[in-house]
Amino acid sequence: MIKARITVTLKNGVLDPQGKAIEHALFAMGFGGIGQVRQGKVFDIELAESDKAKAEADLKAMCDKLLANTVIENYAVEIA
């Protein structure tokens, strides 16, 4: 069993309205000194696989096909 974490974030230069809303909400709640806020998503996935290289290839394929919009998002795969 292989456990992995995939982190998906917007590419630099892509507008992030949700991040901007979070930034404003934090400021309104009294948290000063906040710079730019960017939001993303995290996927924790368990694979019934023992070959780490195959698992990594499968995870990247999952990202390319479904989990990330590679036109506007980057992703990082971490295998535990």
PDB file of N, CA and C in Angstrom:
ATOM      1  N   MET A   1       0.856  -1.180   0.000  1.00  0.00           N
ATOM      2  CA  MET A   1       0.000   0.000   0.000  1.00  0.00           C
ATOM      3  C   MET A   1       0.902   1.243   0.000  1.00  0.00           C
ATOM      4  N   ILE A   2       0.639   2.139  -0.924  1.00  0.00           N
ATOM      5  CA  ILE A   2       1.381   3.401  -1.008  1.00  0.00           C
ATOM      6  C   ILE A   2       0.418   4.540  -0.741  1.00  0.00           C
ATOM      7  N   LYS A   3       0.856   5.446   0.129  1.00  0.00           N
ATOM      8  CA  LYS A   3       0.063   6.642   0.434  1.00  0.00           C
ATOM      9  C   LYS A   3       0.733   7.838  -0.224  1.00  0.00           C
ATOM     10  N   ALA A   4      -0.090   8.711  -0.788  1.00  0.00           N
ATOM     11  CA  ALA A   4       0.444   9.885  -1.473  1.00  0.00           C
ATOM     12  C   ALA A   4      -0.418  11.103  -1.170  1.00  0.00           C
ATOM     13  N   ARG A   5       0.213  12.243  -1.263  1.00  0.00           N
ATOM     14  CA  ARG A   5      -0.494  13.519  -1.142  1.00  0.00           C
ATOM     15  C   ARG A   5      -0.213  14.322  -2.404  1.00  0.00           C
ATOM     16  N   ILE A   6      -1.303  14.792  -3.025  1.00  0.00           N
ATOM     17  CA  ILE A   6      -1.201  15.627  -4.221  1.00  0.00           C
ATOM     18  C   ILE A   6      -1.694  17.015  -3.855  1.00  0.00           C
ATOM     19  N   THR A   7      -0.874  18.014  -4.130  1.00  0.00           N
ATOM     20  CA  THR A   7      -1.236  19.400  -3.868  1.00  0.00           C
ATOM     21  C   THR A   7      -1.393  20.108  -5.205  1.00  0.00           C
ATOM     22  N   VAL A   8      -2.550  20.722  -5.407  1.00  0.00           N
ATOM     23  CA  VAL A   8      -2.853  21.418  -6.658  1.00  0.00           C
ATOM     24  C   VAL A   8      -3.021  22.901  -6.340  1.00  0.00           C
ATOM     25  N   THR A   9      -2.297  23.744  -7.067  1.00  0.00           N
ATOM     26  CA  THR A   9      -2.389  25.195  -6.884  1.00  0.00           C
ATOM     27  C   THR A   9      -2.487  25.885  -8.237  1.00  0.00           C
ATOM     28  N   LEU A  10      -3.017  27.084  -8.218  1.00  0.00           N
ATOM     29  CA  LEU A  10      -3.079  27.866  -9.452  1.00  0.00           C
ATOM     30  C   LEU A  10      -1.683  28.309  -9.858  1.00  0.00           C
ATOM     31  N   LYS A  11      -1.435  28.359 -11.142  1.00  0.00           N
ATOM     32  CA  LYS A  11      -0.158  28.852 -11.645  1.00  0.00           C
ATOM     33  C   LYS A  11      -0.039  30.340 -11.350  1.00  0.00           C
ATOM     34  N   ASN A  12       1.208  30.809 -11.228  1.00  0.00           N
ATOM     35  CA  ASN A  12       1.442  32.244 -11.049  1.00  0.00           C
ATOM     36  C   ASN A  12       0.872  32.994 -12.239  1.00  0.00           C
ATOM     37  N   GLY A  13       0.248  34.107 -11.965  1.00  0.00           N
ATOM     38  CA  GLY A  13      -0.346  34.914 -13.022  1.00  0.00           C
ATOM     39  C   GLY A  13      -1.813  34.616 -13.272  1.00  0.00           C
ATOM     40  N   VAL A  14      -2.316  33.497 -12.728  1.00  0.00           N
ATOM     41  CA  VAL A  14      -3.733  33.161 -12.875  1.00  0.00           C
ATOM     42  C   VAL A  14      -4.483  33.824 -11.727  1.00  0.00           C
ATOM     43  N   LEU A  15      -5.540  34.552 -12.052  1.00  0.00           N
ATOM     44  CA  LEU A  15      -6.318  35.223 -11.018  1.00  0.00           C
ATOM     45  C   LEU A  15      -6.920  34.206 -10.059  1.00  0.00           C
ATOM     46  N   ASP A  16      -6.934  34.564  -8.774  1.00  0.00           N
ATOM     47  CA  ASP A  16      -7.446  33.677  -7.731  1.00  0.00           C
ATOM     48  C   ASP A  16      -8.497  34.426  -6.906  1.00  0.00           C
ATOM     49  N   PRO A  17      -9.739  34.507  -7.399  1.00  0.00           N
ATOM     50  CA  PRO A  17     -10.764  35.260  -6.679  1.00  0.00           C
ATOM     51  C   PRO A  17     -11.076  34.690  -5.295  1.00  0.00           C
ATOM     52  N   GLN A  18     -11.003  33.381  -5.139  1.00  0.00           N
ATOM     53  CA  GLN A  18     -11.257  32.797  -3.824  1.00  0.00           C
ATOM     54  C   GLN A  18     -10.141  33.177  -2.846  1.00  0.00           C
ATOM     55  N   GLY A  19      -8.910  33.143  -3.302  1.00  0.00           N
ATOM     56  CA  GLY A  19      -7.792  33.579  -2.470  1.00  0.00           C
ATOM     57  C   GLY A  19      -7.931  35.040  -2.074  1.00  0.00           C
ATOM     58  N   LYS A  20      -8.372  35.882  -3.015  1.00  0.00           N
ATOM     59  CA  LYS A  20      -8.574  37.304  -2.739  1.00  0.00           C
ATOM     60  C   LYS A  20      -9.680  37.489  -1.696  1.00  0.00           C
ATOM     61  N   ALA A  21     -10.766  36.712  -1.789  1.00  0.00           N
ATOM     62  CA  ALA A  21     -11.855  36.799  -0.808  1.00  0.00           C
ATOM     63  C   ALA A  21     -11.366  36.383   0.582  1.00  0.00           C
ATOM     64  N   ILE A  22     -10.540  35.340   0.645  1.00  0.00           N
ATOM     65  CA  ILE A  22      -9.978  34.907   1.925  1.00  0.00           C
ATOM     66  C   ILE A  22      -9.075  35.995   2.498  1.00  0.00           C
ATOM     67  N   GLU A  23      -8.271  36.596   1.639  1.00  0.00           N
ATOM     68  CA  GLU A  23      -7.382  37.687   2.048  1.00  0.00           C
ATOM     69  C   GLU A  23      -8.176  38.825   2.681  1.00  0.00           C
ATOM     70  N   HIS A  24      -9.262  39.246   2.024  1.00  0.00           N
ATOM     71  CA  HIS A  24     -10.088  40.331   2.554  1.00  0.00           C
ATOM     72  C   HIS A  24     -10.783  39.936   3.855  1.00  0.00           C
ATOM     73  N   ALA A  25     -11.247  38.690   3.934  1.00  0.00           N
ATOM     74  CA  ALA A  25     -11.915  38.221   5.152  1.00  0.00           C
ATOM     75  C   ALA A  25     -10.947  38.201   6.329  1.00  0.00           C
ATOM     76  N   LEU A  26      -9.725  37.754   6.107  1.00  0.00           N
ATOM     77  CA  LEU A  26      -8.736  37.751   7.179  1.00  0.00           C
ATOM     78  C   LEU A  26      -8.445  39.163   7.669  1.00  0.00           C
ATOM     79  N   PHE A  27      -8.315  40.092   6.723  1.00  0.00           N
ATOM     80  CA  PHE A  27      -8.086  41.491   7.082  1.00  0.00           C
ATOM     81  C   PHE A  27      -9.258  42.035   7.899  1.00  0.00           C
ATOM     82  N   ALA A  28     -10.490  41.726   7.468  1.00  0.00           N
ATOM     83  CA  ALA A  28     -11.686  42.193   8.178  1.00  0.00           C
ATOM     84  C   ALA A  28     -11.791  41.584   9.578  1.00  0.00           C
ATOM     85  N   MET A  29     -11.198  40.413   9.772  1.00  0.00           N
ATOM     86  CA  MET A  29     -11.221  39.758  11.082  1.00  0.00           C
ATOM     87  C   MET A  29     -10.118  40.274  12.001  1.00  0.00           C
ATOM     88  N   GLY A  30      -9.335  41.219  11.496  1.00  0.00           N
ATOM     89  CA  GLY A  30      -8.309  41.833  12.332  1.00  0.00           C
ATOM     90  C   GLY A  30      -6.916  41.250  12.185  1.00  0.00           C
ATOM     91  N   PHE A  31      -6.729  40.384  11.221  1.00  0.00           N
ATOM     92  CA  PHE A  31      -5.400  39.823  10.988  1.00  0.00           C
ATOM     93  C   PHE A  31      -4.639  40.732  10.031  1.00  0.00           C
ATOM     94  N   GLY A  32      -3.773  41.571  10.585  1.00  0.00           N
ATOM     95  CA  GLY A  32      -3.015  42.517   9.767  1.00  0.00           C
ATOM     96  C   GLY A  32      -1.758  41.872   9.210  1.00  0.00           C
ATOM     97  N   GLY A  33      -1.141  42.566   8.302  1.00  0.00           N
ATOM     98  CA  GLY A  33       0.114  42.099   7.735  1.00  0.00           C
ATOM     99  C   GLY A  33      -0.033  40.919   6.796  1.00  0.00           C
ATOM    100  N   ILE A  34      -1.236  40.679   6.322  1.00  0.00           N
ATOM    101  CA  ILE A  34      -1.455  39.575   5.377  1.00  0.00           C
ATOM    102  C   ILE A  34      -1.060  40.054   3.984  1.00  0.00           C
ATOM    103  N   GLY A  35      -0.228  39.282   3.329  1.00  0.00           N
ATOM    104  CA  GLY A  35       0.111  39.573   1.943  1.00  0.00           C
ATOM    105  C   GLY A  35      -0.895  38.887   1.035  1.00  0.00           C
ATOM    106  N   GLN A  36      -0.448  38.484  -0.106  1.00  0.00           N
ATOM    107  CA  GLN A  36      -1.319  37.804  -1.063  1.00  0.00           C
ATOM    108  C   GLN A  36      -1.670  36.406  -0.550  1.00  0.00           C
ATOM    109  N   VAL A  37      -2.930  36.015  -0.689  1.00  0.00           N
ATOM    110  CA  VAL A  37      -3.385  34.674  -0.325  1.00  0.00           C
ATOM    111  C   VAL A  37      -3.745  33.931  -1.602  1.00  0.00           C
ATOM    112  N   ARG A  38      -3.210  32.735  -1.745  1.00  0.00           N
ATOM    113  CA  ARG A  38      -3.538  31.859  -2.870  1.00  0.00           C
ATOM    114  C   ARG A  38      -4.099  30.575  -2.275  1.00  0.00           C
ATOM    115  N   GLN A  39      -5.173  30.083  -2.830  1.00  0.00           N
ATOM    116  CA  GLN A  39      -5.778  28.853  -2.322  1.00  0.00           C
ATOM    117  C   GLN A  39      -5.534  27.713  -3.290  1.00  0.00           C
ATOM    118  N   GLY A  40      -5.695  26.499  -2.788  1.00  0.00           N
ATOM    119  CA  GLY A  40      -5.501  25.321  -3.618  1.00  0.00           C
ATOM    120  C   GLY A  40      -6.306  24.163  -3.064  1.00  0.00           C
ATOM    121  N   LYS A  41      -5.931  22.962  -3.466  1.00  0.00           N
ATOM    122  CA  LYS A  41      -6.626  21.767  -2.969  1.00  0.00           C
ATOM    123  C   LYS A  41      -5.612  20.661  -2.740  1.00  0.00           C
ATOM    124  N   VAL A  42      -5.969  19.761  -1.820  1.00  0.00           N
ATOM    125  CA  VAL A  42      -5.091  18.647  -1.452  1.00  0.00           C
ATOM    126  C   VAL A  42      -5.872  17.342  -1.567  1.00  0.00           C
ATOM    127  N   PHE A  43      -5.230  16.335  -2.150  1.00  0.00           N
ATOM    128  CA  PHE A  43      -5.815  15.003  -2.270  1.00  0.00           C
ATOM    129  C   PHE A  43      -4.894  14.019  -1.565  1.00  0.00           C
ATOM    130  N   ASP A  44      -5.431  13.241  -0.624  1.00  0.00           N
ATOM    131  CA  ASP A  44      -4.698  12.133  -0.011  1.00  0.00           C
ATOM    132  C   ASP A  44      -5.224  10.851  -0.644  1.00  0.00           C
ATOM    133  N   ILE A  45      -4.314  10.099  -1.256  1.00  0.00           N
ATOM    134  CA  ILE A  45      -4.710   8.914  -2.017  1.00  0.00           C
ATOM    135  C   ILE A  45      -3.902   7.716  -1.545  1.00  0.00           C
ATOM    136  N   GLU A  46      -4.579   6.591  -1.366  1.00  0.00           N
ATOM    137  CA  GLU A  46      -3.919   5.318  -1.068  1.00  0.00           C
ATOM    138  C   GLU A  46      -4.020   4.425  -2.297  1.00  0.00           C
ATOM    139  N   LEU A  47      -2.894   3.868  -2.688  1.00  0.00           N
ATOM    140  CA  LEU A  47      -2.853   2.981  -3.849  1.00  0.00           C
ATOM    141  C   LEU A  47      -2.456   1.574  -3.417  1.00  0.00           C
ATOM    142  N   ALA A  48      -3.145   0.579  -3.921  1.00  0.00           N
ATOM    143  CA  ALA A  48      -2.777  -0.816  -3.689  1.00  0.00           C
ATOM    144  C   ALA A  48      -1.681  -1.171  -4.680  1.00  0.00           C
ATOM    145  N   GLU A  49      -0.504  -0.652  -4.420  1.00  0.00           N
ATOM    146  CA  GLU A  49       0.635  -0.793  -5.343  1.00  0.00           C
ATOM    147  C   GLU A  49       1.894  -0.882  -4.499  1.00  0.00           C
ATOM    148  N   SER A  50       2.848  -1.701  -4.918  1.00  0.00           N
ATOM    149  CA  SER A  50       4.112  -1.800  -4.176  1.00  0.00           C
ATOM    150  C   SER A  50       5.271  -1.159  -4.939  1.00  0.00           C
ATOM    151  N   ASP A  51       5.106  -0.958  -6.233  1.00  0.00           N
ATOM    152  CA  ASP A  51       6.147  -0.349  -7.065  1.00  0.00           C
ATOM    153  C   ASP A  51       6.006   1.167  -7.019  1.00  0.00           C
ATOM    154  N   LYS A  52       6.968   1.826  -6.366  1.00  0.00           N
ATOM    155  CA  LYS A  52       6.899   3.274  -6.173  1.00  0.00           C
ATOM    156  C   LYS A  52       6.896   4.032  -7.509  1.00  0.00           C
ATOM    157  N   ALA A  53       7.697   3.591  -8.472  1.00  0.00           N
ATOM    158  CA  ALA A  53       7.769   4.268  -9.771  1.00  0.00           C
ATOM    159  C   ALA A  53       6.436   4.180 -10.517  1.00  0.00           C
ATOM    160  N   LYS A  54       5.804   3.002 -10.470  1.00  0.00           N
ATOM    161  CA  LYS A  54       4.506   2.850 -11.124  1.00  0.00           C
ATOM    162  C   LYS A  54       3.447   3.691 -10.420  1.00  0.00           C
ATOM    163  N   ALA A  55       3.499   3.705  -9.104  1.00  0.00           N
ATOM    164  CA  ALA A  55       2.537   4.505  -8.340  1.00  0.00           C
ATOM    165  C   ALA A  55       2.679   5.983  -8.699  1.00  0.00           C
ATOM    166  N   GLU A  56       3.910   6.470  -8.779  1.00  0.00           N
ATOM    167  CA  GLU A  56       4.134   7.872  -9.124  1.00  0.00           C
ATOM    168  C   GLU A  56       3.629   8.169 -10.533  1.00  0.00           C
ATOM    169  N   ALA A  57       3.870   7.278 -11.466  1.00  0.00           N
ATOM    170  CA  ALA A  57       3.385   7.466 -12.836  1.00  0.00           C
ATOM    171  C   ALA A  57       1.855   7.491 -12.866  1.00  0.00           C
ATOM    172  N   ASP A  58       1.230   6.581 -12.115  1.00  0.00           N
ATOM    173  CA  ASP A  58      -0.228   6.553 -12.054  1.00  0.00           C
ATOM    174  C   ASP A  58      -0.786   7.834 -11.441  1.00  0.00           C
ATOM    175  N   LEU A  59      -0.154   8.309 -10.371  1.00  0.00           N
ATOM    176  CA  LEU A  59      -0.618   9.536  -9.704  1.00  0.00           C
ATOM    177  C   LEU A  59      -0.504  10.738 -10.645  1.00  0.00           C
ATOM    178  N   LYS A  60       0.596  10.826 -11.383  1.00  0.00           N
ATOM    179  CA  LYS A  60       0.755  11.922 -12.335  1.00  0.00           C
ATOM    180  C   LYS A  60      -0.294  11.835 -13.445  1.00  0.00           C
ATOM    181  N   ALA A  61      -0.600  10.624 -13.884  1.00  0.00           N
ATOM    182  CA  ALA A  61      -1.641  10.451 -14.897  1.00  0.00           C
ATOM    183  C   ALA A  61      -3.001  10.889 -14.352  1.00  0.00           C
ATOM    184  N   MET A  62      -3.271  10.574 -13.083  1.00  0.00           N
ATOM    185  CA  MET A  62      -4.522  11.015 -12.448  1.00  0.00           C
ATOM    186  C   MET A  62      -4.620  12.536 -12.445  1.00  0.00           C
ATOM    187  N   CYS A  63      -3.512  13.186 -12.138  1.00  0.00           N
ATOM    188  CA  CYS A  63      -3.496  14.649 -12.121  1.00  0.00           C
ATOM    189  C   CYS A  63      -3.730  15.217 -13.511  1.00  0.00           C
ATOM    190  N   ASP A  64      -3.027  14.663 -14.488  1.00  0.00           N
ATOM    191  CA  ASP A  64      -3.139  15.161 -15.860  1.00  0.00           C
ATOM    192  C   ASP A  64      -4.539  14.953 -16.442  1.00  0.00           C
ATOM    193  N   LYS A  65      -5.197  13.877 -16.034  1.00  0.00           N
ATOM    194  CA  LYS A  65      -6.496  13.543 -16.615  1.00  0.00           C
ATOM    195  C   LYS A  65      -7.694  14.065 -15.833  1.00  0.00           C
ATOM    196  N   LEU A  66      -7.539  14.274 -14.511  1.00  0.00           N
ATOM    197  CA  LEU A  66      -8.716  14.628 -13.723  1.00  0.00           C
ATOM    198  C   LEU A  66      -8.465  15.635 -12.600  1.00  0.00           C
ATOM    199  N   LEU A  67      -7.462  15.399 -11.790  1.00  0.00           N
ATOM    200  CA  LEU A  67      -7.326  16.160 -10.544  1.00  0.00           C
ATOM    201  C   LEU A  67      -6.866  17.602 -10.727  1.00  0.00           C
ATOM    202  N   ALA A  68      -6.154  17.890 -11.803  1.00  0.00           N
ATOM    203  CA  ALA A  68      -5.650  19.249 -12.041  1.00  0.00           C
ATOM    204  C   ALA A  68      -5.975  19.681 -13.469  1.00  0.00           C
ATOM    205  N   ASN A  69      -6.313  20.940 -13.591  1.00  0.00           N
ATOM    206  CA  ASN A  69      -6.463  21.552 -14.915  1.00  0.00           C
ATOM    207  C   ASN A  69      -5.087  22.115 -15.260  1.00  0.00           C
ATOM    208  N   THR A  70      -4.309  21.360 -16.002  1.00  0.00           N
ATOM    209  CA  THR A  70      -2.907  21.717 -16.219  1.00  0.00           C
ATOM    210  C   THR A  70      -2.703  22.977 -17.053  1.00  0.00           C
ATOM    211  N   VAL A  71      -3.768  23.518 -17.598  1.00  0.00           N
ATOM    212  CA  VAL A  71      -3.660  24.791 -18.309  1.00  0.00           C
ATOM    213  C   VAL A  71      -3.448  25.921 -17.299  1.00  0.00           C
ATOM    214  N   ILE A  72      -4.136  25.844 -16.162  1.00  0.00           N
ATOM    215  CA  ILE A  72      -4.068  26.937 -15.179  1.00  0.00           C
ATOM    216  C   ILE A  72      -3.557  26.500 -13.806  1.00  0.00           C
ATOM    217  N   GLU A  73      -3.309  25.192 -13.618  1.00  0.00           N
ATOM    218  CA  GLU A  73      -2.893  24.703 -12.306  1.00  0.00           C
ATOM    219  C   GLU A  73      -1.596  23.899 -12.376  1.00  0.00           C
ATOM    220  N   ASN A  74      -0.821  23.995 -11.305  1.00  0.00           N
ATOM    221  CA  ASN A  74       0.347  23.145 -11.091  1.00  0.00           C
ATOM    222  C   ASN A  74      -0.033  22.083 -10.065  1.00  0.00           C
ATOM    223  N   TYR A  75       0.714  20.989 -10.056  1.00  0.00           N
ATOM    224  CA  TYR A  75       0.501  19.982  -9.019  1.00  0.00           C
ATOM    225  C   TYR A  75       1.834  19.421  -8.564  1.00  0.00           C
ATOM    226  N   ALA A  76       1.837  18.932  -7.326  1.00  0.00           N
ATOM    227  CA  ALA A  76       3.019  18.282  -6.754  1.00  0.00           C
ATOM    228  C   ALA A  76       2.569  16.966  -6.142  1.00  0.00           C
ATOM    229  N   VAL A  77       3.321  15.912  -6.397  1.00  0.00           N
ATOM    230  CA  VAL A  77       3.024  14.581  -5.874  1.00  0.00           C
ATOM    231  C   VAL A  77       4.071  14.233  -4.820  1.00  0.00           C
ATOM    232  N   GLU A  78       3.609  13.893  -3.607  1.00  0.00           N
ATOM    233  CA  GLU A  78       4.492  13.447  -2.541  1.00  0.00           C
ATOM    234  C   GLU A  78       4.075  12.036  -2.144  1.00  0.00           C
ATOM    235  N   ILE A  79       5.019  11.119  -2.183  1.00  0.00           N
ATOM    236  CA  ILE A  79       4.735   9.751  -1.764  1.00  0.00           C
ATOM    237  C   ILE A  79       5.333   9.545  -0.373  1.00  0.00           C
ATOM    238  N   ALA A  80       4.479   9.059   0.538  1.00  0.00           N
ATOM    239  CA  ALA A  80       4.921   8.871   1.931  1.00  0.00           C
ATOM    240  C   ALA A  80       5.781   7.630   2.059  1.00  0.00           C
TER     241      ALA A  80
END
